[in-house]
PDB file of N, CA and C in Angstrom:
ATOM      1  N   MET A   1       7.293 117.066  46.825  1.00  0.00           N
ATOM      2  CA  MET A   1       8.473 116.518  46.831  1.00  0.00           C
ATOM      3  C   MET A   1       8.002 114.956  47.892  1.00  0.00           C
ATOM      4  N   SER A   2       8.421 113.739  47.803  1.00  0.00           N
ATOM      5  CA  SER A   2       8.036 112.931  48.679  1.00  0.00           C
ATOM      6  C   SER A   2       9.278 112.599  49.422  1.00  0.00           C
ATOM      7  N   ARG A   3       9.062 111.805  50.620  1.00  0.00           N
ATOM      8  CA  ARG A   3       9.860 111.234  51.406  1.00  0.00           C
ATOM      9  C   ARG A   3      10.801 110.906  51.175  1.00  0.00           C
ATOM     10  N   PRO A   4      12.014 110.815  51.624  1.00  0.00           N
ATOM     11  CA  PRO A   4      13.176 109.339  51.503  1.00  0.00           C
ATOM     12  C   PRO A   4      12.659 108.289  51.890  1.00  0.00           C
ATOM     13  N   LYS A   5      12.786 107.265  50.878  1.00  0.00           N
ATOM     14  CA  LYS A   5      12.598 105.691  51.297  1.00  0.00           C
ATOM     15  C   LYS A   5      13.522 105.261  52.631  1.00  0.00           C
ATOM     16  N   LYS A   6      12.957 104.874  53.757  1.00  0.00           N
ATOM     17  CA  LYS A   6      13.592 104.439  54.974  1.00  0.00           C
ATOM     18  C   LYS A   6      14.144 103.081  54.285  1.00  0.00           C
ATOM     19  N   CYS A   7      15.540 102.792  54.931  1.00  0.00           N
ATOM     20  CA  CYS A   7      16.165 101.693  54.575  1.00  0.00           C
ATOM     21  C   CYS A   7      15.616 100.212  55.600  1.00  0.00           C
ATOM     22  N   ARG A   8      15.213  99.427  54.570  1.00  0.00           N
ATOM     23  CA  ARG A   8      14.354  98.218  54.670  1.00  0.00           C
ATOM     24  C   ARG A   8      15.328  96.932  54.997  1.00  0.00           C
ATOM     25  N   CYS A   9      15.248  96.801  56.193  1.00  0.00           N
ATOM     26  CA  CYS A   9      16.197  95.254  56.409  1.00  0.00           C
ATOM     27  C   CYS A   9      15.590  93.761  55.772  1.00  0.00           C
ATOM     28  N   ILE A  10      16.128  93.243  54.821  1.00  0.00           N
ATOM     29  CA  ILE A  10      15.700  92.315  54.018  1.00  0.00           C
ATOM     30  C   ILE A  10      16.561  91.044  54.586  1.00  0.00           C
ATOM     31  N   ASN A  11      16.303  90.210  54.974  1.00  0.00           N
ATOM     32  CA  ASN A  11      16.881  88.958  55.743  1.00  0.00           C
ATOM     33  C   ASN A  11      16.608  87.596  54.556  1.00  0.00           C
ATOM     34  N   CYS A  12      16.223  87.727  53.224  1.00  0.00           N
ATOM     35  CA  CYS A  12      15.774  86.615  52.644  1.00  0.00           C
ATOM     36  C   CYS A  12      16.449  86.742  51.580  1.00  0.00           C
ATOM     37  N   THR A  13      17.140  86.074  50.686  1.00  0.00           N
ATOM     38  CA  THR A  13      17.713  85.931  49.516  1.00  0.00           C
ATOM     39  C   THR A  13      17.158  84.796  48.682  1.00  0.00           C
ATOM     40  N   PRO A  14      16.331  84.982  47.718  1.00  0.00           N
ATOM     41  CA  PRO A  14      15.488  84.179  46.821  1.00  0.00           C
ATOM     42  C   PRO A  14      16.548  83.386  46.321  1.00  0.00           C
ATOM     43  N   ASN A  15      16.324  81.763  45.979  1.00  0.00           N
ATOM     44  CA  ASN A  15      16.835  80.769  45.211  1.00  0.00           C
ATOM     45  C   ASN A  15      16.597  80.954  43.820  1.00  0.00           C
ATOM     46  N   VAL A  16      15.442  81.838  43.587  1.00  0.00           N
ATOM     47  CA  VAL A  16      15.045  81.733  42.107  1.00  0.00           C
ATOM     48  C   VAL A  16      13.913  82.937  42.127  1.00  0.00           C
ATOM     49  N   SER A  17      13.893  83.367  40.699  1.00  0.00           N
ATOM     50  CA  SER A  17      13.663  84.841  40.150  1.00  0.00           C
ATOM     51  C   SER A  17      12.215  84.899  39.425  1.00  0.00           C
ATOM     52  N   TYR A  18      11.852  83.781  39.223  1.00  0.00           N
ATOM     53  CA  TYR A  18      10.862  83.603  38.283  1.00  0.00           C
ATOM     54  C   TYR A  18       9.818  82.271  38.742  1.00  0.00           C
ATOM     55  N   PHE A  19       8.742  82.756  38.744  1.00  0.00           N
ATOM     56  CA  PHE A  19       7.434  81.712  38.623  1.00  0.00           C
ATOM     57  C   PHE A  19       6.884  82.043  37.683  1.00  0.00           C
ATOM     58  N   LYS A  20       6.065  80.861  36.713  1.00  0.00           N
ATOM     59  CA  LYS A  20       5.602  81.282  35.505  1.00  0.00           C
ATOM     60  C   LYS A  20       4.677  79.923  35.556  1.00  0.00           C
ATOM     61  N   PRO A  21       3.223  80.090  34.725  1.00  0.00           N
ATOM     62  CA  PRO A  21       2.660  78.956  34.468  1.00  0.00           C
ATOM     63  C   PRO A  21       3.218  77.920  33.574  1.00  0.00           C
ATOM     64  N   ARG A  22       3.012  76.593  33.993  1.00  0.00           N
ATOM     65  CA  ARG A  22       4.017  75.639  33.309  1.00  0.00           C
ATOM     66  C   ARG A  22       2.889  75.304  31.588  1.00  0.00           C
ATOM     67  N   GLY A  23       4.065  75.244  31.037  1.00  0.00           N
ATOM     68  CA  GLY A  23       3.692  75.027  29.333  1.00  0.00           C
ATOM     69  C   GLY A  23       3.415  75.888  28.562  1.00  0.00           C
ATOM     70  N   ILE A  24       3.410  77.099  29.048  1.00  0.00           N
ATOM     71  CA  ILE A  24       3.587  78.582  28.570  1.00  0.00           C
ATOM     72  C   ILE A  24       4.764  78.999  28.098  1.00  0.00           C
ATOM     73  N   PRO A  25       5.588  78.992  26.993  1.00  0.00           N
ATOM     74  CA  PRO A  25       6.921  80.019  27.220  1.00  0.00           C
ATOM     75  C   PRO A  25       6.954  81.165  27.888  1.00  0.00           C
ATOM     76  N   LEU A  26       7.674  81.478  28.275  1.00  0.00           N
ATOM     77  CA  LEU A  26       7.829  82.943  29.044  1.00  0.00           C
ATOM     78  C   LEU A  26       7.617  84.198  28.062  1.00  0.00           C
ATOM     79  N   LEU A  27       7.867  84.196  26.807  1.00  0.00           N
ATOM     80  CA  LEU A  27       7.724  85.233  26.013  1.00  0.00           C
ATOM     81  C   LEU A  27       6.441  85.519  25.642  1.00  0.00           C
ATOM     82  N   HIS A  28       5.394  84.946  26.179  1.00  0.00           N
ATOM     83  CA  HIS A  28       4.150  84.616  25.839  1.00  0.00           C
ATOM     84  C   HIS A  28       3.212  85.282  27.082  1.00  0.00           C
ATOM     85  N   LEU A  29       4.094  85.484  27.941  1.00  0.00           N
ATOM     86  CA  LEU A  29       3.372  85.721  29.237  1.00  0.00           C
ATOM     87  C   LEU A  29       3.526  87.395  29.687  1.00  0.00           C
ATOM     88  N   GLU A  30       2.488  87.792  30.373  1.00  0.00           N
ATOM     89  CA  GLU A  30       2.637  88.837  30.695  1.00  0.00           C
ATOM     90  C   GLU A  30       3.554  89.106  32.008  1.00  0.00           C
ATOM     91  N   GLU A  31       4.478  89.576  32.650  1.00  0.00           N
ATOM     92  CA  GLU A  31       5.099  89.920  33.705  1.00  0.00           C
ATOM     93  C   GLU A  31       4.737  90.729  34.743  1.00  0.00           C
ATOM     94  N   ILE A  32       5.011  90.098  36.268  1.00  0.00           N
ATOM     95  CA  ILE A  32       4.705  91.098  37.328  1.00  0.00           C
ATOM     96  C   ILE A  32       5.791  90.866  37.977  1.00  0.00           C
ATOM     97  N   SER A  33       6.272  92.335  38.385  1.00  0.00           N
ATOM     98  CA  SER A  33       7.464  92.416  39.401  1.00  0.00           C
ATOM     99  C   SER A  33       7.121  92.548  40.618  1.00  0.00           C
ATOM    100  N   LEU A  34       7.836  91.670  41.310  1.00  0.00           N
ATOM    101  CA  LEU A  34       7.596  91.558  42.700  1.00  0.00           C
ATOM    102  C   LEU A  34       9.084  92.311  43.627  1.00  0.00           C
ATOM    103  N   GLY A  35       9.046  93.330  44.502  1.00  0.00           N
ATOM    104  CA  GLY A  35      10.514  93.486  45.242  1.00  0.00           C
ATOM    105  C   GLY A  35      10.685  92.812  46.286  1.00  0.00           C
ATOM    106  N   LEU A  36      12.032  92.973  46.575  1.00  0.00           N
ATOM    107  CA  LEU A  36      12.493  92.405  47.888  1.00  0.00           C
ATOM    108  C   LEU A  36      11.782  92.586  49.054  1.00  0.00           C
ATOM    109  N   ASP A  37      11.527  93.786  49.218  1.00  0.00           N
ATOM    110  CA  ASP A  37      10.750  94.014  50.370  1.00  0.00           C
ATOM    111  C   ASP A  37       9.118  93.338  50.479  1.00  0.00           C
ATOM    112  N   GLU A  38       8.844  93.457  49.456  1.00  0.00           N
ATOM    113  CA  GLU A  38       7.237  92.716  49.110  1.00  0.00           C
ATOM    114  C   GLU A  38       7.293  91.168  49.810  1.00  0.00           C
ATOM    115  N   LEU A  39       8.602  90.547  49.045  1.00  0.00           N
ATOM    116  CA  LEU A  39       8.759  89.309  49.081  1.00  0.00           C
ATOM    117  C   LEU A  39       8.960  88.899  50.390  1.00  0.00           C
ATOM    118  N   GLU A  40       9.625  89.882  51.316  1.00  0.00           N
ATOM    119  CA  GLU A  40      10.311  89.485  52.818  1.00  0.00           C
ATOM    120  C   GLU A  40       8.957  89.954  53.480  1.00  0.00           C
ATOM    121  N   ALA A  41       8.102  90.551  53.139  1.00  0.00           N
ATOM    122  CA  ALA A  41       6.803  91.122  54.027  1.00  0.00           C
ATOM    123  C   ALA A  41       5.847  89.793  53.896  1.00  0.00           C
ATOM    124  N   ILE A  42       5.990  89.182  52.719  1.00  0.00           N
ATOM    125  CA  ILE A  42       5.281  87.775  52.472  1.00  0.00           C
ATOM    126  C   ILE A  42       5.663  86.810  53.433  1.00  0.00           C
ATOM    127  N   ARG A  43       7.031  86.574  53.444  1.00  0.00           N
ATOM    128  CA  ARG A  43       7.473  85.803  53.965  1.00  0.00           C
ATOM    129  C   ARG A  43       7.492  85.956  55.879  1.00  0.00           C
ATOM    130  N   LEU A  44       7.896  87.187  55.915  1.00  0.00           N
ATOM    131  CA  LEU A  44       7.490  87.485  57.396  1.00  0.00           C
ATOM    132  C   LEU A  44       6.096  87.054  58.031  1.00  0.00           C
ATOM    133  N   ALA A  45       5.006  87.536  57.095  1.00  0.00           N
ATOM    134  CA  ALA A  45       3.669  87.450  57.842  1.00  0.00           C
ATOM    135  C   ALA A  45       2.862  86.035  57.462  1.00  0.00           C
ATOM    136  N   ASP A  46       3.020  85.805  55.963  1.00  0.00           N
ATOM    137  CA  ASP A  46       2.394  84.525  55.696  1.00  0.00           C
ATOM    138  C   ASP A  46       3.426  83.198  55.851  1.00  0.00           C
ATOM    139  N   TYR A  47       4.557  82.966  55.561  1.00  0.00           N
ATOM    140  CA  TYR A  47       5.171  82.035  56.087  1.00  0.00           C
ATOM    141  C   TYR A  47       5.755  81.798  57.266  1.00  0.00           C
ATOM    142  N   GLU A  48       6.184  82.737  57.966  1.00  0.00           N
ATOM    143  CA  GLU A  48       6.772  82.602  59.101  1.00  0.00           C
ATOM    144  C   GLU A  48       5.629  83.187  60.632  1.00  0.00           C
ATOM    145  N   GLY A  49       4.428  83.511  59.657  1.00  0.00           N
ATOM    146  CA  GLY A  49       3.103  83.790  60.815  1.00  0.00           C
ATOM    147  C   GLY A  49       3.330  84.895  61.905  1.00  0.00           C
ATOM    148  N   HIS A  50       4.194  86.144  61.356  1.00  0.00           N
ATOM    149  CA  HIS A  50       4.543  86.966  62.503  1.00  0.00           C
ATOM    150  C   HIS A  50       3.467  87.739  62.351  1.00  0.00           C
ATOM    151  N   TYR A  51       3.125  88.685  63.849  1.00  0.00           N
ATOM    152  CA  TYR A  51       1.956  89.676  63.465  1.00  0.00           C
ATOM    153  C   TYR A  51       2.806  90.697  62.541  1.00  0.00           C
ATOM    154  N   HIS A  52       1.918  91.580  62.263  1.00  0.00           N
ATOM    155  CA  HIS A  52       2.201  93.150  61.487  1.00  0.00           C
ATOM    156  C   HIS A  52       3.374  93.787  62.262  1.00  0.00           C
ATOM    157  N   GLU A  53       3.087  94.043  63.477  1.00  0.00           N
ATOM    158  CA  GLU A  53       3.807  94.733  64.364  1.00  0.00           C
ATOM    159  C   GLU A  53       5.175  94.358  64.485  1.00  0.00           C
ATOM    160  N   GLU A  54       5.400  93.014  64.877  1.00  0.00           N
ATOM    161  CA  GLU A  54       6.573  92.143  65.164  1.00  0.00           C
ATOM    162  C   GLU A  54       7.425  92.168  63.590  1.00  0.00           C
ATOM    163  N   ALA A  55       6.749  91.877  62.527  1.00  0.00           N
ATOM    164  CA  ALA A  55       7.167  91.706  61.330  1.00  0.00           C
ATOM    165  C   ALA A  55       7.830  93.191  60.768  1.00  0.00           C
ATOM    166  N   ALA A  56       7.057  94.067  60.937  1.00  0.00           N
ATOM    167  CA  ALA A  56       7.684  95.444  60.788  1.00  0.00           C
ATOM    168  C   ALA A  56       8.891  96.067  61.375  1.00  0.00           C
ATOM    169  N   ARG A  57       9.030  95.324  62.754  1.00  0.00           N
ATOM    170  CA  ARG A  57      10.035  96.001  63.507  1.00  0.00           C
ATOM    171  C   ARG A  57      11.516  94.884  63.069  1.00  0.00           C
ATOM    172  N   LYS A  58      10.965  93.909  62.444  1.00  0.00           N
ATOM    173  CA  LYS A  58      12.110  93.271  61.876  1.00  0.00           C
ATOM    174  C   LYS A  58      12.556  93.691  60.603  1.00  0.00           C
ATOM    175  N   MET A  59      11.837  94.561  59.917  1.00  0.00           N
ATOM    176  CA  MET A  59      12.222  94.921  58.640  1.00  0.00           C
ATOM    177  C   MET A  59      12.550  96.512  59.021  1.00  0.00           C
ATOM    178  N   ASN A  60      12.386  97.255  60.313  1.00  0.00           N
ATOM    179  CA  ASN A  60      12.609  98.346  60.441  1.00  0.00           C
ATOM    180  C   ASN A  60      12.179  99.448  59.823  1.00  0.00           C
ATOM    181  N   ILE A  61      10.700  98.861  59.860  1.00  0.00           N
ATOM    182  CA  ILE A  61       9.534 100.329  59.010  1.00  0.00           C
ATOM    183  C   ILE A  61       8.745 100.353  60.128  1.00  0.00           C
ATOM    184  N   SER A  62       7.519 101.126  59.722  1.00  0.00           N
ATOM    185  CA  SER A  62       6.252 101.530  60.651  1.00  0.00           C
ATOM    186  C   SER A  62       5.460 100.159  60.753  1.00  0.00           C
ATOM    187  N   ARG A  63       4.712 100.069  61.278  1.00  0.00           N
ATOM    188  CA  ARG A  63       3.445  99.100  60.858  1.00  0.00           C
ATOM    189  C   ARG A  63       2.679  99.106  59.828  1.00  0.00           C
ATOM    190  N   ALA A  64       2.185 100.533  59.717  1.00  0.00           N
ATOM    191  CA  ALA A  64       1.417 100.729  58.928  1.00  0.00           C
ATOM    192  C   ALA A  64       2.188 100.760  57.138  1.00  0.00           C
ATOM    193  N   THR A  65       3.335 101.079  56.830  1.00  0.00           N
ATOM    194  CA  THR A  65       4.055 100.889  55.940  1.00  0.00           C
ATOM    195  C   THR A  65       4.393  99.470  55.693  1.00  0.00           C
ATOM    196  N   PHE A  66       4.497  98.485  56.513  1.00  0.00           N
ATOM    197  CA  PHE A  66       4.220  97.087  56.615  1.00  0.00           C
ATOM    198  C   PHE A  66       3.113  96.460  55.956  1.00  0.00           C
ATOM    199  N   GLY A  67       2.054  96.992  56.285  1.00  0.00           N
ATOM    200  CA  GLY A  67       0.653  96.891  55.846  1.00  0.00           C
ATOM    201  C   GLY A  67       0.639  97.256  54.374  1.00  0.00           C
ATOM    202  N   ARG A  68       1.055  98.471  54.062  1.00  0.00           N
ATOM    203  CA  ARG A  68       1.030  98.565  52.549  1.00  0.00           C
ATOM    204  C   ARG A  68       1.700  97.998  51.727  1.00  0.00           C
ATOM    205  N   ILE A  69       2.798  97.278  52.135  1.00  0.00           N
ATOM    206  CA  ILE A  69       3.779  96.573  51.378  1.00  0.00           C
ATOM    207  C   ILE A  69       3.411  94.961  51.282  1.00  0.00           C
ATOM    208  N   LEU A  70       2.671  94.469  52.677  1.00  0.00           N
ATOM    209  CA  LEU A  70       2.377  93.454  52.580  1.00  0.00           C
ATOM    210  C   LEU A  70       0.843  93.262  51.340  1.00  0.00           C
ATOM    211  N   ASP A  71       0.045  94.273  51.367  1.00  0.00           N
ATOM    212  CA  ASP A  71      -1.080  94.451  50.904  1.00  0.00           C
ATOM    213  C   ASP A  71      -0.761  94.266  49.182  1.00  0.00           C
ATOM    214  N   GLU A  72       0.023  95.030  48.526  1.00  0.00           N
ATOM    215  CA  GLU A  72       0.383  95.221  47.725  1.00  0.00           C
ATOM    216  C   GLU A  72       1.247  93.828  46.848  1.00  0.00           C
ATOM    217  N   ALA A  73       2.109  93.346  47.944  1.00  0.00           N
ATOM    218  CA  ALA A  73       2.607  91.948  47.388  1.00  0.00           C
ATOM    219  C   ALA A  73       1.770  90.949  47.277  1.00  0.00           C
ATOM    220  N   ARG A  74       0.550  90.737  48.101  1.00  0.00           N
ATOM    221  CA  ARG A  74      -0.202  89.915  48.256  1.00  0.00           C
ATOM    222  C   ARG A  74      -1.370  89.977  46.790  1.00  0.00           C
ATOM    223  N   HIS A  75      -1.499  91.458  46.560  1.00  0.00           N
ATOM    224  CA  HIS A  75      -2.246  91.371  45.264  1.00  0.00           C
ATOM    225  C   HIS A  75      -1.296  91.254  44.019  1.00  0.00           C
ATOM    226  N   LYS A  76      -0.071  91.608  44.269  1.00  0.00           N
ATOM    227  CA  LYS A  76       0.781  90.789  42.882  1.00  0.00           C
ATOM    228  C   LYS A  76       0.503  89.539  42.833  1.00  0.00           C
ATOM    229  N   VAL A  77       0.983  88.832  43.696  1.00  0.00           N
ATOM    230  CA  VAL A  77       1.108  87.273  43.939  1.00  0.00           C
ATOM    231  C   VAL A  77      -0.298  86.772  43.475  1.00  0.00           C
ATOM    232  N   SER A  78      -1.550  87.236  44.025  1.00  0.00           N
ATOM    233  CA  SER A  78      -2.568  86.902  43.775  1.00  0.00           C
ATOM    234  C   SER A  78      -2.992  86.902  42.179  1.00  0.00           C
ATOM    235  N   ASP A  79      -3.079  88.276  41.519  1.00  0.00           N
ATOM    236  CA  ASP A  79      -3.099  88.715  40.220  1.00  0.00           C
ATOM    237  C   ASP A  79      -2.135  87.551  39.360  1.00  0.00           C
ATOM    238  N   ALA A  80      -1.023  87.325  39.700  1.00  0.00           N
ATOM    239  CA  ALA A  80       0.129  86.290  38.563  1.00  0.00           C
ATOM    240  C   ALA A  80      -1.131  84.771  39.069  1.00  0.00           C
ATOM    241  N   ILE A  81      -1.591  84.538  40.097  1.00  0.00           N
ATOM    242  CA  ILE A  81      -2.022  83.025  40.075  1.00  0.00           C
ATOM    243  C   ILE A  81      -3.068  83.106  39.346  1.00  0.00           C
ATOM    244  N   VAL A  82      -4.320  84.132  39.576  1.00  0.00           N
ATOM    245  CA  VAL A  82      -5.567  84.142  38.960  1.00  0.00           C
ATOM    246  C   VAL A  82      -5.655  84.181  37.504  1.00  0.00           C
ATOM    247  N   ASN A  83      -4.314  84.884  37.119  1.00  0.00           N
ATOM    248  CA  ASN A  83      -4.429  85.544  35.565  1.00  0.00           C
ATOM    249  C   ASN A  83      -3.644  84.915  34.728  1.00  0.00           C
ATOM    250  N   GLY A  84      -3.122  83.754  35.546  1.00  0.00           N
ATOM    251  CA  GLY A  84      -1.778  83.168  34.640  1.00  0.00           C
ATOM    252  C   GLY A  84      -0.504  83.973  34.331  1.00  0.00           C
ATOM    253  N   LYS A  85      -0.354  84.993  34.991  1.00  0.00           N
ATOM    254  CA  LYS A  85       1.213  85.677  34.820  1.00  0.00           C
ATOM    255  C   LYS A  85       2.433  85.163  35.235  1.00  0.00           C
ATOM    256  N   ALA A  86       3.237  85.585  34.671  1.00  0.00           N
ATOM    257  CA  ALA A  86       4.394  85.332  35.367  1.00  0.00           C
ATOM    258  C   ALA A  86       5.031  86.058  36.413  1.00  0.00           C
ATOM    259  N   LEU A  87       5.701  85.730  37.503  1.00  0.00           N
ATOM    260  CA  LEU A  87       5.966  86.615  38.615  1.00  0.00           C
ATOM    261  C   LEU A  87       7.555  86.589  38.994  1.00  0.00           C
ATOM    262  N   ARG A  88       8.140  87.847  38.483  1.00  0.00           N
ATOM    263  CA  ARG A  88       9.455  87.848  38.704  1.00  0.00           C
ATOM    264  C   ARG A  88       9.978  88.595  40.033  1.00  0.00           C
ATOM    265  N   ILE A  89      10.964  87.854  40.567  1.00  0.00           N
ATOM    266  CA  ILE A  89      11.576  88.483  41.912  1.00  0.00           C
ATOM    267  C   ILE A  89      12.431  89.597  41.528  1.00  0.00           C
ATOM    268  N   GLU A  90      12.430  90.701  42.158  1.00  0.00           N
ATOM    269  CA  GLU A  90      13.497  91.811  41.873  1.00  0.00           C
ATOM    270  C   GLU A  90      14.462  91.540  42.632  1.00  0.00           C
ATOM    271  N   ILE A  91      15.952  90.996  41.847  1.00  0.00           N
ATOM    272  CA  ILE A  91      16.971  90.880  43.115  1.00  0.00           C
ATOM    273  C   ILE A  91      17.958  91.762  42.666  1.00  0.00           C
ATOM    274  N   LYS A  92      17.563  93.143  43.238  1.00  0.00           N
ATOM    275  CA  LYS A  92      18.384  94.315  43.332  1.00  0.00           C
ATOM    276  C   LYS A  92      18.252  95.240  44.657  1.00  0.00           C
ATOM    277  N   TYR A  93      19.276  95.531  44.898  1.00  0.00           N
ATOM    278  CA  TYR A  93      18.988  96.577  46.028  1.00  0.00           C
ATOM    279  C   TYR A  93      19.076  97.904  45.834  1.00  0.00           C
ATOM    280  N   ASN A  94      18.267  98.653  46.714  1.00  0.00           N
ATOM    281  CA  ASN A  94      18.145  99.948  46.664  1.00  0.00           C
ATOM    282  C   ASN A  94      19.232 100.696  47.327  1.00  0.00           C
TER     283      ASN A  94
END
């Protein structure tokens, strides 16, 4: 049995929930789902330029957990860009 997920502090709410390649209908695209915690990790590390330790503190998680979330988020975003997939931001709270 795994440990329960620690509550993660998310301080951004996206204005949009989809990104997709132009000119291809959404129903013809494979979709990748990006969670709010992954979006927050990208925002803190890449957009705002925080170091992992500081960003982890802002999300109320460990630095190692932050690193894993960020790695997975970057992989998903790069997969969507490189392979022309739709990227859906999950706007739900657990």
